[in-house]
């Protein structure tokens, strides 16, 4: 959902009035103002589903971040369930990515829009709450690696769904996804 400058001004003024009147049990005026002024109108559809008659489809960046958060959630959950022997096996099979499987975030310099989207999902929309306080600046570009990882992950997830296996990933599957992060020239 995109807004013109005039619409942003009107929404900002109405949000200020709403906040000053301390209207309870309604929209969050601070969130509305930030979403509109920061160009994150997509978040309004997520925060207030059903409010808009024809909600716009989420932008590609929003879909990408949702996929990445979903993938890393499964990776972390699966890693937590491994015993010491399985963790050692993963550390070797997915070196150096398999030693400590934690979402590194997005690059604050080059992927700041993705970082902002992830923070909105976790902090404002309270989705993927396991990442609360952990949407970090990775200090390096990660999107290409995440895209490669997600392609592997999506294939494994689809296979699991077709076989009615709704469990976590095993060591081999974790290694396959984590190794997807490698640059093709380093394989």
C-alpha atoms as a PDB file:
ATOM      1  CA  UNK A   1       0.000   0.000   0.000  1.00  0.00           C
ATOM      2  CA  UNK A   2       1.584   3.209  -1.173  1.00  0.00           C
ATOM      3  CA  UNK A   3       0.677   6.706  -0.024  1.00  0.00           C
ATOM      4  CA  UNK A   4       1.087  10.098  -1.651  1.00  0.00           C
ATOM      5  CA  UNK A   5       2.819  12.890   0.243  1.00  0.00           C
ATOM      6  CA  UNK A   6      -0.566  14.541   0.815  1.00  0.00           C
ATOM      7  CA  UNK A   7      -1.985  11.298   2.240  1.00  0.00           C
ATOM      8  CA  UNK A   8       1.046  10.908   4.508  1.00  0.00           C
ATOM      9  CA  UNK A   9       0.489  14.420   5.850  1.00  0.00           C
ATOM     10  CA  UNK A  10      -3.212  13.793   6.508  1.00  0.00           C
ATOM     11  CA  UNK A  11      -2.548  10.427   8.152  1.00  0.00           C
ATOM     12  CA  UNK A  12       0.203  11.919  10.316  1.00  0.00           C
ATOM     13  CA  UNK A  13      -2.078  14.726  11.474  1.00  0.00           C
ATOM     14  CA  UNK A  14      -4.957  12.339  12.180  1.00  0.00           C
ATOM     15  CA  UNK A  15      -2.611   9.988  14.056  1.00  0.00           C
ATOM     16  CA  UNK A  16      -1.410  12.899  16.184  1.00  0.00           C
ATOM     17  CA  UNK A  17      -5.018  13.850  17.012  1.00  0.00           C
ATOM     18  CA  UNK A  18      -5.894  10.208  17.754  1.00  0.00           C
ATOM     19  CA  UNK A  19      -2.915   9.874  20.099  1.00  0.00           C
ATOM     20  CA  UNK A  20      -3.640  13.170  21.856  1.00  0.00           C
ATOM     21  CA  UNK A  21      -7.260  12.130  22.479  1.00  0.00           C
ATOM     22  CA  UNK A  22      -5.958   8.852  24.003  1.00  0.00           C
ATOM     23  CA  UNK A  23      -8.586   6.778  22.203  1.00  0.00           C
ATOM     24  CA  UNK A  24      -8.448   3.254  23.608  1.00  0.00           C
ATOM     25  CA  UNK A  25      -9.280  -0.047  21.902  1.00  0.00           C
ATOM     26  CA  UNK A  26      -8.690   1.257  18.422  1.00  0.00           C
ATOM     27  CA  UNK A  27      -5.830   1.532  15.983  1.00  0.00           C
ATOM     28  CA  UNK A  28      -2.312   2.155  17.237  1.00  0.00           C
ATOM     29  CA  UNK A  29      -1.655   5.709  15.990  1.00  0.00           C
ATOM     30  CA  UNK A  30       2.133   5.478  16.425  1.00  0.00           C
ATOM     31  CA  UNK A  31       2.299   2.276  14.392  1.00  0.00           C
ATOM     32  CA  UNK A  32       0.041   3.698  11.662  1.00  0.00           C
ATOM     33  CA  UNK A  33       2.133   6.857  11.433  1.00  0.00           C
ATOM     34  CA  UNK A  34       5.432   4.935  11.259  1.00  0.00           C
ATOM     35  CA  UNK A  35       4.127   2.415   8.710  1.00  0.00           C
ATOM     36  CA  UNK A  36       2.821   5.166   6.446  1.00  0.00           C
ATOM     37  CA  UNK A  37       5.723   7.600   6.771  1.00  0.00           C
ATOM     38  CA  UNK A  38       8.409   4.920   6.449  1.00  0.00           C
ATOM     39  CA  UNK A  39       6.869   3.438   3.302  1.00  0.00           C
ATOM     40  CA  UNK A  40       5.814   0.230   5.041  1.00  0.00           C
ATOM     41  CA  UNK A  41       2.110   0.384   4.197  1.00  0.00           C
ATOM     42  CA  UNK A  42       2.057  -3.408   3.689  1.00  0.00           C
ATOM     43  CA  UNK A  43       2.291  -3.742   7.478  1.00  0.00           C
ATOM     44  CA  UNK A  44      -1.163  -2.189   7.921  1.00  0.00           C
ATOM     45  CA  UNK A  45      -2.721  -5.194   6.153  1.00  0.00           C
ATOM     46  CA  UNK A  46      -0.859  -7.541   8.500  1.00  0.00           C
ATOM     47  CA  UNK A  47      -1.697  -5.571  11.664  1.00  0.00           C
ATOM     48  CA  UNK A  48      -5.338  -4.938  10.781  1.00  0.00           C
ATOM     49  CA  UNK A  49      -6.511  -7.826   8.582  1.00  0.00           C
ATOM     50  CA  UNK A  50      -9.953  -7.381   7.117  1.00  0.00           C
ATOM     51  CA  UNK A  51      -9.871  -3.609   7.374  1.00  0.00           C
ATOM     52  CA  UNK A  52      -9.121  -3.034   3.706  1.00  0.00           C
ATOM     53  CA  UNK A  53     -11.518  -4.239   0.994  1.00  0.00           C
ATOM     54  CA  UNK A  54      -8.892  -5.145  -1.588  1.00  0.00           C
ATOM     55  CA  UNK A  55      -5.608  -5.386   0.259  1.00  0.00           C
ATOM     56  CA  UNK A  56      -2.629  -5.107  -2.045  1.00  0.00           C
ATOM     57  CA  UNK A  57      -0.413  -8.120  -2.471  1.00  0.00           C
ATOM     58  CA  UNK A  58       2.674  -7.982  -0.281  1.00  0.00           C
ATOM     59  CA  UNK A  59       5.762  -6.549  -1.983  1.00  0.00           C
ATOM     60  CA  UNK A  60       8.435  -9.083  -2.997  1.00  0.00           C
ATOM     61  CA  UNK A  61      10.776  -7.907  -0.214  1.00  0.00           C
ATOM     62  CA  UNK A  62       8.092  -8.602   2.387  1.00  0.00           C
ATOM     63  CA  UNK A  63       7.475 -12.090   0.997  1.00  0.00           C
ATOM     64  CA  UNK A  64      11.221 -12.754   0.962  1.00  0.00           C
ATOM     65  CA  UNK A  65      11.691 -11.687   4.590  1.00  0.00           C
ATOM     66  CA  UNK A  66       8.679 -13.770   5.692  1.00  0.00           C
ATOM     67  CA  UNK A  67      10.166 -16.799   3.917  1.00  0.00           C
ATOM     68  CA  UNK A  68      13.574 -16.188   5.501  1.00  0.00           C
ATOM     69  CA  UNK A  69      12.120 -15.844   9.004  1.00  0.00           C
ATOM     70  CA  UNK A  70      10.037 -18.971   8.498  1.00  0.00           C
ATOM     71  CA  UNK A  71      13.077 -20.909   7.293  1.00  0.00           C
ATOM     72  CA  UNK A  72      15.360 -19.745  10.104  1.00  0.00           C
ATOM     73  CA  UNK A  73      12.664 -20.528  12.661  1.00  0.00           C
ATOM     74  CA  UNK A  74      12.587 -24.140  11.445  1.00  0.00           C
ATOM     75  CA  UNK A  75      16.388 -24.311  11.288  1.00  0.00           C
ATOM     76  CA  UNK A  76      16.786 -23.068  14.856  1.00  0.00           C
ATOM     77  CA  UNK A  77      14.009 -25.310  16.211  1.00  0.00           C
ATOM     78  CA  UNK A  78      15.530 -28.330  14.486  1.00  0.00           C
ATOM     79  CA  UNK A  79      19.031 -27.497  15.743  1.00  0.00           C
ATOM     80  CA  UNK A  80      17.802 -27.147  19.347  1.00  0.00           C
ATOM     81  CA  UNK A  81      16.480 -30.718  19.264  1.00  0.00           C
ATOM     82  CA  UNK A  82      19.781 -32.266  18.175  1.00  0.00           C
ATOM     83  CA  UNK A  83      21.833 -34.163  20.730  1.00  0.00           C
ATOM     84  CA  UNK A  84      25.586 -33.580  21.146  1.00  0.00           C
ATOM     85  CA  UNK A  85      26.528 -36.300  18.661  1.00  0.00           C
ATOM     86  CA  UNK A  86      24.143 -34.930  16.023  1.00  0.00           C
ATOM     87  CA  UNK A  87      25.450 -31.383  16.576  1.00  0.00           C
ATOM     88  CA  UNK A  88      29.015 -32.587  16.061  1.00  0.00           C
ATOM     89  CA  UNK A  89      27.939 -34.353  12.861  1.00  0.00           C
ATOM     90  CA  UNK A  90      26.223 -31.168  11.621  1.00  0.00           C
ATOM     91  CA  UNK A  91      29.262 -29.029  12.469  1.00  0.00           C
ATOM     92  CA  UNK A  92      31.350 -31.191  10.127  1.00  0.00           C
ATOM     93  CA  UNK A  93      28.695 -31.612   7.422  1.00  0.00           C
ATOM     94  CA  UNK A  94      27.907 -27.882   7.202  1.00  0.00           C
ATOM     95  CA  UNK A  95      31.208 -26.324   8.210  1.00  0.00           C
ATOM     96  CA  UNK A  96      31.337 -23.442   9.149  1.00  0.00           C
ATOM     97  CA  UNK A  97      27.558 -22.848   9.272  1.00  0.00           C
ATOM     98  CA  UNK A  98      26.525 -25.908  11.295  1.00  0.00           C
ATOM     99  CA  UNK A  99      28.290 -25.201  14.543  1.00  0.00           C
ATOM    100  CA  UNK A 100      25.826 -22.675  15.971  1.00  0.00           C
ATOM    101  CA  UNK A 101      22.618 -22.338  13.969  1.00  0.00           C
ATOM    102  CA  UNK A 102      21.223 -18.873  14.704  1.00  0.00           C
ATOM    103  CA  UNK A 103      19.625 -16.284  12.465  1.00  0.00           C
ATOM    104  CA  UNK A 104      22.309 -13.670  11.728  1.00  0.00           C
ATOM    105  CA  UNK A 105      19.930 -10.908  10.566  1.00  0.00           C
ATOM    106  CA  UNK A 106      20.350  -8.656   7.524  1.00  0.00           C
ATOM    107  CA  UNK A 107      23.059  -6.188   6.565  1.00  0.00           C
ATOM    108  CA  UNK A 108      22.206  -2.781   8.006  1.00  0.00           C
ATOM    109  CA  UNK A 109      24.119  -0.924   5.291  1.00  0.00           C
ATOM    110  CA  UNK A 110      23.081  -2.740   2.123  1.00  0.00           C
ATOM    111  CA  UNK A 111      19.922  -4.582   3.176  1.00  0.00           C
ATOM    112  CA  UNK A 112      18.441  -1.986   5.513  1.00  0.00           C
ATOM    113  CA  UNK A 113      14.971  -2.311   3.963  1.00  0.00           C
ATOM    114  CA  UNK A 114      14.953  -6.051   4.665  1.00  0.00           C
ATOM    115  CA  UNK A 115      16.231  -5.420   8.190  1.00  0.00           C
ATOM    116  CA  UNK A 116      13.418  -2.893   8.740  1.00  0.00           C
ATOM    117  CA  UNK A 117      10.808  -5.355   7.437  1.00  0.00           C
ATOM    118  CA  UNK A 118      12.111  -8.095   9.733  1.00  0.00           C
ATOM    119  CA  UNK A 119      11.956  -5.750  12.726  1.00  0.00           C
ATOM    120  CA  UNK A 120       8.383  -4.779  11.886  1.00  0.00           C
ATOM    121  CA  UNK A 121       7.373  -8.441  11.643  1.00  0.00           C
ATOM    122  CA  UNK A 122       8.946  -9.329  14.983  1.00  0.00           C
ATOM    123  CA  UNK A 123       8.649  -6.173  17.072  1.00  0.00           C
ATOM    124  CA  UNK A 124       5.446  -4.546  15.817  1.00  0.00           C
ATOM    125  CA  UNK A 125       3.413  -7.400  14.390  1.00  0.00           C
ATOM    126  CA  UNK A 126       4.603  -9.928  17.002  1.00  0.00           C
ATOM    127  CA  UNK A 127       5.245 -12.601  14.386  1.00  0.00           C
ATOM    128  CA  UNK A 128       8.195 -14.993  14.766  1.00  0.00           C
ATOM    129  CA  UNK A 129       8.476 -13.971  18.420  1.00  0.00           C
ATOM    130  CA  UNK A 130      11.420 -16.344  18.891  1.00  0.00           C
ATOM    131  CA  UNK A 131      13.504 -13.634  17.188  1.00  0.00           C
ATOM    132  CA  UNK A 132      12.503 -10.881  19.630  1.00  0.00           C
ATOM    133  CA  UNK A 133      15.622  -8.881  20.447  1.00  0.00           C
ATOM    134  CA  UNK A 134      17.593 -10.794  17.800  1.00  0.00           C
ATOM    135  CA  UNK A 135      16.859  -8.997  14.529  1.00  0.00           C
ATOM    136  CA  UNK A 136      20.458  -7.924  14.145  1.00  0.00           C
ATOM    137  CA  UNK A 137      22.724  -6.219  11.679  1.00  0.00           C
ATOM    138  CA  UNK A 138      24.691  -9.065  10.099  1.00  0.00           C
ATOM    139  CA  UNK A 139      27.373  -6.578   8.940  1.00  0.00           C
ATOM    140  CA  UNK A 140      27.592  -8.423   5.623  1.00  0.00           C
ATOM    141  CA  UNK A 141      25.260  -9.083   2.723  1.00  0.00           C
ATOM    142  CA  UNK A 142      23.240 -12.231   3.282  1.00  0.00           C
ATOM    143  CA  UNK A 143      20.344 -12.130   0.818  1.00  0.00           C
ATOM    144  CA  UNK A 144      21.969 -14.182  -1.935  1.00  0.00           C
ATOM    145  CA  UNK A 145      22.897 -16.900   0.555  1.00  0.00           C
ATOM    146  CA  UNK A 146      19.416 -16.836   2.110  1.00  0.00           C
ATOM    147  CA  UNK A 147      17.854 -17.148  -1.346  1.00  0.00           C
ATOM    148  CA  UNK A 148      19.974 -20.231  -2.107  1.00  0.00           C
ATOM    149  CA  UNK A 149      19.183 -21.681   1.317  1.00  0.00           C
ATOM    150  CA  UNK A 150      15.457 -21.068   0.857  1.00  0.00           C
ATOM    151  CA  UNK A 151      15.398 -22.880  -2.481  1.00  0.00           C
ATOM    152  CA  UNK A 152      16.847 -25.967  -0.767  1.00  0.00           C
ATOM    153  CA  UNK A 153      14.605 -25.526   2.283  1.00  0.00           C
ATOM    154  CA  UNK A 154      11.451 -25.113   0.201  1.00  0.00           C
ATOM    155  CA  UNK A 155      12.191 -28.317  -1.700  1.00  0.00           C
ATOM    156  CA  UNK A 156      12.757 -30.254   1.522  1.00  0.00           C
ATOM    157  CA  UNK A 157       9.652 -28.753   3.121  1.00  0.00           C
ATOM    158  CA  UNK A 158       7.513 -29.655   0.099  1.00  0.00           C
ATOM    159  CA  UNK A 159       8.851 -33.238   0.162  1.00  0.00           C
ATOM    160  CA  UNK A 160       8.068 -33.469   3.882  1.00  0.00           C
ATOM    161  CA  UNK A 161       4.532 -32.161   3.333  1.00  0.00           C
ATOM    162  CA  UNK A 162       3.878 -34.623   0.503  1.00  0.00           C
ATOM    163  CA  UNK A 163       5.054 -37.497   2.686  1.00  0.00           C
ATOM    164  CA  UNK A 164       2.956 -36.204   5.632  1.00  0.00           C
ATOM    165  CA  UNK A 165       6.132 -35.670   7.690  1.00  0.00           C
ATOM    166  CA  UNK A 166       5.474 -32.502   9.657  1.00  0.00           C
ATOM    167  CA  UNK A 167       8.418 -32.918  12.005  1.00  0.00           C
ATOM    168  CA  UNK A 168      11.642 -31.006  12.318  1.00  0.00           C
ATOM    169  CA  UNK A 169      14.614 -31.282   9.991  1.00  0.00           C
ATOM    170  CA  UNK A 170      17.189 -34.027  10.541  1.00  0.00           C
ATOM    171  CA  UNK A 171      20.970 -33.527  10.432  1.00  0.00           C
ATOM    172  CA  UNK A 172      21.210 -34.291   6.705  1.00  0.00           C
ATOM    173  CA  UNK A 173      18.399 -31.875   5.845  1.00  0.00           C
ATOM    174  CA  UNK A 174      19.857 -29.159   8.077  1.00  0.00           C
ATOM    175  CA  UNK A 175      23.251 -29.574   6.402  1.00  0.00           C
ATOM    176  CA  UNK A 176      21.697 -29.347   2.943  1.00  0.00           C
ATOM    177  CA  UNK A 177      19.933 -26.078   3.782  1.00  0.00           C
ATOM    178  CA  UNK A 178      22.881 -24.532   5.627  1.00  0.00           C
ATOM    179  CA  UNK A 179      25.288 -25.461   2.828  1.00  0.00           C
ATOM    180  CA  UNK A 180      22.993 -23.663   0.406  1.00  0.00           C
ATOM    181  CA  UNK A 181      24.363 -20.470   1.943  1.00  0.00           C
ATOM    182  CA  UNK A 182      27.735 -21.079   0.298  1.00  0.00           C
ATOM    183  CA  UNK A 183      28.556 -19.053  -2.766  1.00  0.00           C
ATOM    184  CA  UNK A 184      28.422 -21.346  -5.839  1.00  0.00           C
ATOM    185  CA  UNK A 185      32.126 -20.685  -6.528  1.00  0.00           C
ATOM    186  CA  UNK A 186      32.974 -22.046  -3.050  1.00  0.00           C
ATOM    187  CA  UNK A 187      31.133 -25.362  -3.386  1.00  0.00           C
END
